[in-house]
């Protein structure tokens, strides 16, 4: 049983977080664990905070200990362990998290399925009747199945039945997706690209952009509803979905650029996604680089805008090389700088020989794009080809 001291320290940690003092919150959580070493809620809270501040190693140790002490208490730690692990171990963690999330929904007597015949007496169908907390649990379960699918496209891609298992995970995510999550359609597009089904992938990525737009407008629509001004989106099933992370949206842009060969509209949509990212963080070098690529890939390539964004990325990377004394990071910046300069060379050729060369030039959007850190947050260069 938690002591009075432990409870008081937990309250202080939560207050420190609420008042944007994460370093102070860490100290209070650590003291709370000193007072009650086996308190798993404190382990989970501290682990999540450490992970968000970049200390993944300590976070993993806390989640692992919490999982051993209370394996059936809370799915979140299992999902974090899945993110921080690889291969079969990651799959085991995600699967355990999915099992616990499903149990939470079952305890609420909610059947997250659109098929009326599957409903049992007293159970809700689809998203109707769900409170916000249940809806959040359902979305977390959808995301978990997408993560499992991604494992079969990456770490576990050489397994004999990888494609079938990937599709099965996505089928489950689609079945549960009553909220219109962009993560589901993007995960499906990723699989279709690996199967060389580019037209389907392009259509799925355009749908992903629409769903991102719905997430961005969600807060505005809620305000309109409160004021009695229900607009075009009023009454739709999409609700309560948070805008995905910057990392996710940059991956959206990369996949759109990869799909541009199958649908020219994808390059235009990539610019929309990236311009929104730039408004959010105009110091992210990867955003500038990808915008340079995207502007060069328009139906009518905008060489001026492409060059301006690539030159900005080049200047930022050179400055980062000078400032950061870490040799390993400096080497990474050098490699990223090489990618930027290759694109600038393509543009110079396009200016001298005509726009056509710019549009048809090979652009490396699937590997180590420049970023504001030492390397890209997500490397999809290891995509394995699957047969349809």
Protein backbone atom coordinates (compact mmCIF):
# COMPACT_ATOMS: atom_id res chain seq x y z
CA UNK A 1 0.00 0.00 0.00
CA UNK A 2 1.32 3.40 -0.96
CA UNK A 3 2.38 5.60 1.92
CA UNK A 4 1.11 9.12 2.53
CA UNK A 5 4.56 10.40 1.52
CA UNK A 6 4.36 8.51 -1.78
CA UNK A 7 0.92 9.91 -2.59
CA UNK A 8 2.04 13.44 -1.79
CA UNK A 9 5.10 13.11 -4.00
CA UNK A 10 2.96 11.77 -6.86
CA UNK A 11 0.65 14.79 -6.56
CA UNK A 12 3.64 17.13 -6.65
CA UNK A 13 5.00 15.37 -9.74
CA UNK A 14 1.65 15.70 -11.52
CA UNK A 15 1.47 19.39 -10.60
CA UNK A 16 5.00 19.93 -11.92
CA UNK A 17 3.98 18.34 -15.21
CA UNK A 18 0.83 20.44 -15.39
CA UNK A 19 2.90 23.59 -14.89
CA UNK A 20 5.45 22.56 -17.57
CA UNK A 21 8.30 21.65 -15.23
CA UNK A 22 9.32 18.17 -16.48
CA UNK A 23 12.72 18.12 -14.75
CA UNK A 24 11.09 18.80 -11.40
CA UNK A 25 8.46 16.16 -12.12
CA UNK A 26 11.21 13.58 -12.73
CA UNK A 27 12.70 14.33 -9.30
CA UNK A 28 9.34 13.92 -7.56
CA UNK A 29 8.62 10.63 -9.37
CA UNK A 30 12.06 9.34 -8.41
CA UNK A 31 11.47 10.26 -4.78
CA UNK A 32 8.05 8.59 -4.91
CA UNK A 33 9.71 5.37 -6.08
CA UNK A 34 12.29 5.65 -3.31
CA UNK A 35 9.42 5.83 -0.82
CA UNK A 36 7.53 2.91 -2.48
CA UNK A 37 9.91 0.95 -4.76
CA UNK A 38 7.24 -1.39 -6.20
CA UNK A 39 4.68 1.28 -7.13
CA UNK A 40 4.06 0.50 -10.82
CA UNK A 41 1.95 3.62 -11.55
CA UNK A 42 4.98 5.74 -10.57
CA UNK A 43 7.23 3.57 -12.78
CA UNK A 44 4.86 4.00 -15.73
CA UNK A 45 4.52 7.75 -15.26
CA UNK A 46 8.28 8.28 -14.86
CA UNK A 47 9.02 5.97 -17.80
CA UNK A 48 6.69 7.93 -20.08
CA UNK A 49 8.21 11.23 -18.97
CA UNK A 50 11.77 9.99 -19.50
CA UNK A 51 10.86 8.64 -22.93
CA UNK A 52 9.39 12.01 -23.93
CA UNK A 53 12.58 13.75 -22.81
CA UNK A 54 14.85 11.41 -24.77
CA UNK A 55 16.03 8.92 -22.13
CA UNK A 56 14.76 5.75 -23.77
CA UNK A 57 17.18 3.45 -21.93
CA UNK A 58 15.95 4.37 -18.44
CA UNK A 59 12.36 4.42 -19.67
CA UNK A 60 12.67 0.87 -21.00
CA UNK A 61 14.05 -0.40 -17.68
CA UNK A 62 11.11 1.14 -15.80
CA UNK A 63 8.48 -0.24 -18.19
CA UNK A 64 10.12 -3.67 -18.10
CA UNK A 65 10.11 -3.77 -14.30
CA UNK A 66 6.51 -2.54 -14.19
CA UNK A 67 5.47 -5.24 -16.67
CA UNK A 68 7.05 -7.94 -14.50
CA UNK A 69 5.42 -6.67 -11.30
CA UNK A 70 1.96 -5.97 -12.78
CA UNK A 71 1.68 -7.58 -16.23
CA UNK A 72 -2.09 -7.20 -16.45
CA UNK A 73 -2.34 -3.66 -15.12
CA UNK A 74 -2.48 -1.18 -17.98
CA UNK A 75 -1.70 -1.62 -21.66
CA UNK A 76 0.36 1.53 -22.17
CA UNK A 77 3.63 0.18 -20.76
CA UNK A 78 3.42 -2.81 -23.11
CA UNK A 79 2.92 -0.51 -26.08
CA UNK A 80 5.94 1.57 -25.08
CA UNK A 81 7.97 -1.62 -24.69
CA UNK A 82 6.87 -2.58 -28.20
CA UNK A 83 8.10 0.75 -29.56
CA UNK A 84 11.43 0.40 -27.77
CA UNK A 85 12.03 -3.24 -28.82
CA UNK A 86 12.68 -5.03 -32.09
CA UNK A 87 11.56 -8.15 -33.91
CA UNK A 88 9.68 -10.89 -32.13
CA UNK A 89 10.12 -9.23 -28.76
CA UNK A 90 8.41 -6.11 -30.05
CA UNK A 91 5.59 -8.23 -31.48
CA UNK A 92 5.07 -9.95 -28.12
CA UNK A 93 4.85 -6.60 -26.34
CA UNK A 94 2.40 -5.12 -28.86
CA UNK A 95 0.28 -8.28 -28.76
CA UNK A 96 0.04 -8.14 -24.97
CA UNK A 97 -0.93 -4.47 -25.15
CA UNK A 98 -3.62 -5.24 -27.74
CA UNK A 99 -4.98 -8.02 -25.52
CA UNK A 100 -5.31 -5.66 -22.54
CA UNK A 101 -6.92 -2.91 -24.64
CA UNK A 102 -9.45 -5.43 -25.97
CA UNK A 103 -10.23 -6.46 -22.40
CA UNK A 104 -10.82 -2.83 -21.45
CA UNK A 105 -13.32 -2.47 -24.28
CA UNK A 106 -14.97 -5.75 -23.32
CA UNK A 107 -15.39 -4.55 -19.74
CA UNK A 108 -17.31 -1.56 -21.14
CA UNK A 109 -19.49 -3.93 -23.20
CA UNK A 110 -18.47 -2.23 -26.43
CA UNK A 111 -18.11 -4.14 -29.67
CA UNK A 112 -15.96 -1.99 -31.96
CA UNK A 113 -17.40 -3.45 -35.15
CA UNK A 114 -19.58 -1.97 -37.88
CA UNK A 115 -21.40 -5.23 -38.62
CA UNK A 116 -24.75 -5.34 -36.85
CA UNK A 117 -25.00 -9.17 -36.87
CA UNK A 118 -21.91 -9.38 -34.65
CA UNK A 119 -23.53 -7.31 -31.91
CA UNK A 120 -24.50 -9.04 -28.69
CA UNK A 121 -27.33 -7.84 -26.49
CA UNK A 122 -26.35 -4.76 -24.48
CA UNK A 123 -23.27 -4.02 -26.60
CA UNK A 124 -22.67 -0.90 -28.64
CA UNK A 125 -21.84 -1.16 -32.33
CA UNK A 126 -19.21 1.03 -34.00
CA UNK A 127 -18.44 4.36 -32.36
CA UNK A 128 -22.01 5.18 -31.40
CA UNK A 129 -22.63 5.52 -27.69
CA UNK A 130 -18.94 5.56 -26.76
CA UNK A 131 -17.68 8.08 -24.27
CA UNK A 132 -14.42 9.88 -25.04
CA UNK A 133 -12.35 7.54 -22.89
CA UNK A 134 -13.66 4.42 -24.65
CA UNK A 135 -13.12 6.06 -28.03
CA UNK A 136 -9.50 6.82 -27.08
CA UNK A 137 -8.97 3.17 -26.06
CA UNK A 138 -10.39 2.02 -29.40
CA UNK A 139 -8.09 4.35 -31.35
CA UNK A 140 -5.13 3.08 -29.33
CA UNK A 141 -6.08 -0.48 -30.28
CA UNK A 142 -6.29 0.50 -33.96
CA UNK A 143 -2.82 2.06 -33.72
CA UNK A 144 -1.44 -1.08 -32.06
CA UNK A 145 -2.60 -3.30 -34.92
CA UNK A 146 -0.98 -0.87 -37.37
CA UNK A 147 2.27 -1.17 -35.41
CA UNK A 148 2.07 -4.96 -35.62
CA UNK A 149 1.52 -4.72 -39.38
CA UNK A 150 4.57 -2.46 -39.68
CA UNK A 151 6.73 -5.07 -37.95
CA UNK A 152 5.92 -7.52 -40.75
CA UNK A 153 7.08 -4.91 -43.27
CA UNK A 154 10.34 -4.26 -41.43
CA UNK A 155 11.88 -6.39 -38.66
CA UNK A 156 9.86 -9.54 -39.47
CA UNK A 157 9.65 -9.10 -43.24
CA UNK A 158 11.63 -12.29 -43.93
CA UNK A 159 9.16 -14.51 -42.08
CA UNK A 160 7.51 -16.98 -44.43
CA UNK A 161 3.97 -15.69 -43.78
CA UNK A 162 4.91 -12.03 -43.23
CA UNK A 163 2.62 -10.66 -45.96
CA UNK A 164 -0.43 -12.61 -44.76
CA UNK A 165 0.16 -11.63 -41.13
CA UNK A 166 0.66 -8.00 -42.12
CA UNK A 167 -2.63 -8.04 -44.04
CA UNK A 168 -4.41 -9.74 -41.13
CA UNK A 169 -3.26 -7.04 -38.72
CA UNK A 170 -4.44 -4.35 -41.13
CA UNK A 171 -7.79 -6.09 -41.62
CA UNK A 172 -8.29 -5.97 -37.86
CA UNK A 173 -7.30 -2.30 -37.74
CA UNK A 174 -9.78 -1.54 -40.53
CA UNK A 175 -12.52 -3.44 -38.71
CA UNK A 176 -11.94 -1.41 -35.57
CA UNK A 177 -11.45 1.93 -37.31
CA UNK A 178 -14.75 3.70 -36.64
CA UNK A 179 -13.06 7.09 -36.23
CA UNK A 180 -11.30 7.52 -39.56
CA UNK A 181 -7.69 7.20 -38.39
CA UNK A 182 -5.07 8.32 -40.94
CA UNK A 183 -2.70 5.74 -39.49
CA UNK A 184 -4.78 2.89 -40.92
CA UNK A 185 -4.87 4.10 -44.51
CA UNK A 186 -1.17 5.01 -44.42
CA UNK A 187 -0.25 1.56 -43.12
CA UNK A 188 -2.33 -0.03 -45.90
CA UNK A 189 -0.61 2.16 -48.49
CA UNK A 190 2.78 1.06 -47.19
CA UNK A 191 1.84 -2.59 -47.71
CA UNK A 192 0.44 -1.91 -51.19
CA UNK A 193 3.69 -0.20 -52.21
CA UNK A 194 5.67 -3.23 -51.07
CA UNK A 195 3.35 -5.36 -53.22
CA UNK A 196 3.96 -3.11 -56.26
CA UNK A 197 0.29 -2.06 -56.26
CA UNK A 198 1.07 1.61 -56.74
CA UNK A 199 -2.33 2.84 -57.92
CA UNK A 200 -4.02 1.46 -54.80
CA UNK A 201 -1.28 2.91 -52.61
CA UNK A 202 -1.69 6.36 -54.18
CA UNK A 203 -5.46 6.31 -53.57
CA UNK A 204 -4.89 5.27 -49.95
CA UNK A 205 -2.36 8.10 -49.42
CA UNK A 206 -4.79 10.70 -50.81
CA UNK A 207 -7.37 9.35 -48.36
CA UNK A 208 -4.74 9.63 -45.60
CA UNK A 209 -4.33 13.34 -46.37
CA UNK A 210 -8.11 13.81 -46.15
CA UNK A 211 -8.11 12.15 -42.76
CA UNK A 212 -5.24 14.35 -41.60
CA UNK A 213 -7.32 17.34 -42.62
CA UNK A 214 -10.21 16.04 -40.53
CA UNK A 215 -7.89 15.78 -37.52
CA UNK A 216 -6.69 19.36 -38.05
CA UNK A 217 -10.26 20.67 -38.28
CA UNK A 218 -11.54 18.67 -35.31
CA UNK A 219 -11.03 21.42 -32.74
CA UNK A 220 -12.67 24.02 -34.99
CA UNK A 221 -15.68 21.78 -35.61
CA UNK A 222 -16.10 21.20 -31.86
CA UNK A 223 -16.14 24.97 -31.29
CA UNK A 224 -18.74 25.41 -34.05
CA UNK A 225 -20.94 22.74 -32.52
CA UNK A 226 -20.76 24.43 -29.13
CA UNK A 227 -21.95 27.64 -30.78
CA UNK A 228 -24.73 25.85 -32.67
CA UNK A 229 -23.07 26.34 -36.06
CA UNK A 230 -22.85 22.77 -37.29
CA UNK A 231 -21.06 22.83 -40.64
CA UNK A 232 -20.44 20.34 -43.40
CA UNK A 233 -18.61 17.94 -41.09
CA UNK A 234 -21.26 18.07 -38.35
CA UNK A 235 -22.59 14.65 -37.34
CA UNK A 236 -19.76 12.71 -38.98
CA UNK A 237 -18.29 9.72 -37.15
CA UNK A 238 -14.80 11.27 -37.10
CA UNK A 239 -14.24 12.74 -33.68
CA UNK A 240 -11.66 13.04 -30.96
CA UNK A 241 -8.70 12.16 -33.19
CA UNK A 242 -5.53 14.05 -32.36
CA UNK A 243 -3.30 15.33 -35.12
CA UNK A 244 -0.56 12.69 -35.62
CA UNK A 245 3.03 13.46 -34.68
CA UNK A 246 5.43 15.37 -36.88
CA UNK A 247 7.30 12.10 -37.51
CA UNK A 248 4.12 10.48 -38.83
CA UNK A 249 3.32 13.42 -41.11
CA UNK A 250 6.85 13.49 -42.54
CA UNK A 251 6.44 9.81 -43.34
CA UNK A 252 3.12 10.72 -44.99
CA UNK A 253 4.98 13.18 -47.23
CA UNK A 254 7.64 10.60 -48.13
CA UNK A 255 5.01 8.03 -49.10
CA UNK A 256 3.12 10.64 -51.12
CA UNK A 257 6.31 11.40 -53.04
CA UNK A 258 6.85 7.69 -53.60
CA UNK A 259 3.27 7.43 -54.94
CA UNK A 260 3.73 10.44 -57.23
CA UNK A 261 4.78 8.12 -60.04
CA UNK A 262 1.26 6.60 -59.96
CA UNK A 263 -0.78 9.76 -59.35
CA UNK A 264 0.56 13.26 -59.97
CA UNK A 265 -1.81 14.66 -57.35
CA UNK A 266 0.29 13.01 -54.63
CA UNK A 267 3.13 15.53 -55.07
CA UNK A 268 0.68 18.41 -54.61
CA UNK A 269 -0.69 16.78 -51.45
CA UNK A 270 2.87 16.30 -50.17
CA UNK A 271 3.43 20.06 -50.41
CA UNK A 272 0.24 20.69 -48.40
CA UNK A 273 1.32 18.31 -45.65
CA UNK A 274 4.87 19.69 -45.51
CA UNK A 275 3.84 23.36 -45.54
CA UNK A 276 1.67 22.64 -42.48
CA UNK A 277 4.67 20.97 -40.83
CA UNK A 278 6.83 24.00 -41.65
CA UNK A 279 4.31 26.30 -39.98
CA UNK A 280 4.57 24.11 -36.88
CA UNK A 281 8.39 23.82 -36.85
CA UNK A 282 10.31 25.97 -39.32
CA UNK A 283 13.67 24.82 -37.93
CA UNK A 284 13.26 21.19 -38.97
CA UNK A 285 15.77 20.71 -41.81
CA UNK A 286 14.06 17.56 -43.08
CA UNK A 287 10.88 19.55 -43.73
CA UNK A 288 12.79 22.05 -45.89
CA UNK A 289 14.55 19.28 -47.79
CA UNK A 290 11.36 17.36 -48.49
CA UNK A 291 9.60 20.55 -49.57
CA UNK A 292 12.40 21.14 -52.06
CA UNK A 293 11.86 17.65 -53.45
CA UNK A 294 8.06 18.04 -53.46
CA UNK A 295 8.09 21.36 -55.31
CA UNK A 296 10.36 19.83 -57.95
CA UNK A 297 7.91 16.98 -58.45
CA UNK A 298 4.77 19.02 -59.13
CA UNK A 299 2.89 18.48 -62.38
CA UNK A 300 4.48 21.79 -63.39
CA UNK A 301 7.67 21.76 -61.28
CA UNK A 302 8.29 24.96 -59.32
CA UNK A 303 12.07 25.11 -59.65
CA UNK A 304 12.30 28.45 -57.84
CA UNK A 305 10.51 27.22 -54.71
CA UNK A 306 12.38 23.91 -54.82
CA UNK A 307 15.74 25.66 -55.01
CA UNK A 308 14.87 28.11 -52.23
CA UNK A 309 13.94 25.31 -49.83
CA UNK A 310 16.97 23.19 -50.69
CA UNK A 311 19.33 26.16 -50.23
CA UNK A 312 17.77 26.81 -46.82
CA UNK A 313 18.35 23.15 -45.86
CA UNK A 314 21.93 23.37 -47.14
CA UNK A 315 22.68 26.48 -45.09
CA UNK A 316 21.12 25.01 -41.94
CA UNK A 317 23.12 21.77 -42.23
CA UNK A 318 26.39 23.63 -42.74
CA UNK A 319 25.69 25.68 -39.63
CA UNK A 320 24.86 22.53 -37.64
CA UNK A 321 28.14 20.97 -38.78
CA UNK A 322 30.06 23.95 -37.40
CA UNK A 323 28.18 24.14 -34.09
CA UNK A 324 28.01 20.46 -33.16
CA UNK A 325 31.40 19.13 -32.04
CA UNK A 326 30.29 15.48 -32.05
CA UNK A 327 32.28 13.67 -34.78
CA UNK A 328 29.59 11.07 -35.40
CA UNK A 329 26.89 13.71 -35.78
CA UNK A 330 29.15 15.80 -37.99
CA UNK A 331 29.56 12.80 -40.32
CA UNK A 332 25.78 12.32 -40.41
CA UNK A 333 25.26 15.98 -41.24
CA UNK A 334 27.82 15.59 -44.03
CA UNK A 335 25.86 12.71 -45.55
CA UNK A 336 22.61 14.68 -45.31
CA UNK A 337 24.32 17.66 -46.88
CA UNK A 338 25.38 15.45 -49.77
CA UNK A 339 21.75 14.51 -50.43
CA UNK A 340 20.71 18.16 -50.46
CA UNK A 341 23.52 19.12 -52.83
CA UNK A 342 22.60 16.27 -55.17
CA UNK A 343 19.10 17.71 -55.43
CA UNK A 344 20.47 21.20 -56.03
CA UNK A 345 22.57 19.81 -58.86
CA UNK A 346 19.45 18.24 -60.39
CA UNK A 347 17.72 21.63 -60.22
CA UNK A 348 20.65 23.40 -61.82
CA UNK A 349 20.45 20.93 -64.67
CA UNK A 350 16.71 21.52 -64.93
CA UNK A 351 17.25 25.27 -65.15
CA UNK A 352 19.81 24.80 -67.89
CA UNK A 353 18.15 22.04 -69.91
CA UNK A 354 14.45 22.42 -69.19
CA UNK A 355 11.91 21.41 -66.58
CA UNK A 356 11.47 17.85 -67.86
CA UNK A 357 14.74 16.66 -66.36
CA UNK A 358 13.70 17.96 -62.94
CA UNK A 359 10.45 16.04 -63.00
CA UNK A 360 11.96 12.74 -64.11
CA UNK A 361 15.09 12.82 -61.96
CA UNK A 362 15.43 10.15 -59.32
CA UNK A 363 14.87 11.64 -55.89
CA UNK A 364 15.88 9.70 -52.78
CA UNK A 365 12.82 10.11 -50.58
CA UNK A 366 12.91 6.68 -49.01
CA UNK A 367 16.18 6.75 -47.11
CA UNK A 368 18.12 9.03 -44.78
CA UNK A 369 16.60 12.43 -45.44
CA UNK A 370 18.15 15.44 -43.77
CA UNK A 371 16.64 16.27 -40.42
CA UNK A 372 17.08 18.61 -37.51
CA UNK A 373 18.71 15.71 -35.63
CA UNK A 374 21.67 13.52 -36.49
CA UNK A 375 19.58 11.30 -38.73
CA UNK A 376 16.05 10.79 -39.94
CA UNK A 377 13.56 9.85 -37.22
CA UNK A 378 12.27 6.99 -39.31
CA UNK A 379 14.17 5.06 -41.96
CA UNK A 380 12.03 3.20 -44.44
CA UNK A 381 14.90 2.40 -46.80
CA UNK A 382 14.66 -1.29 -45.90
CA UNK A 383 11.27 -1.80 -47.56
CA UNK A 384 11.02 -5.42 -48.63
CA UNK A 385 9.26 -6.29 -51.88
CA UNK A 386 6.29 -8.63 -51.58
CA UNK A 387 4.42 -10.20 -54.43
CA UNK A 388 0.70 -9.45 -54.71
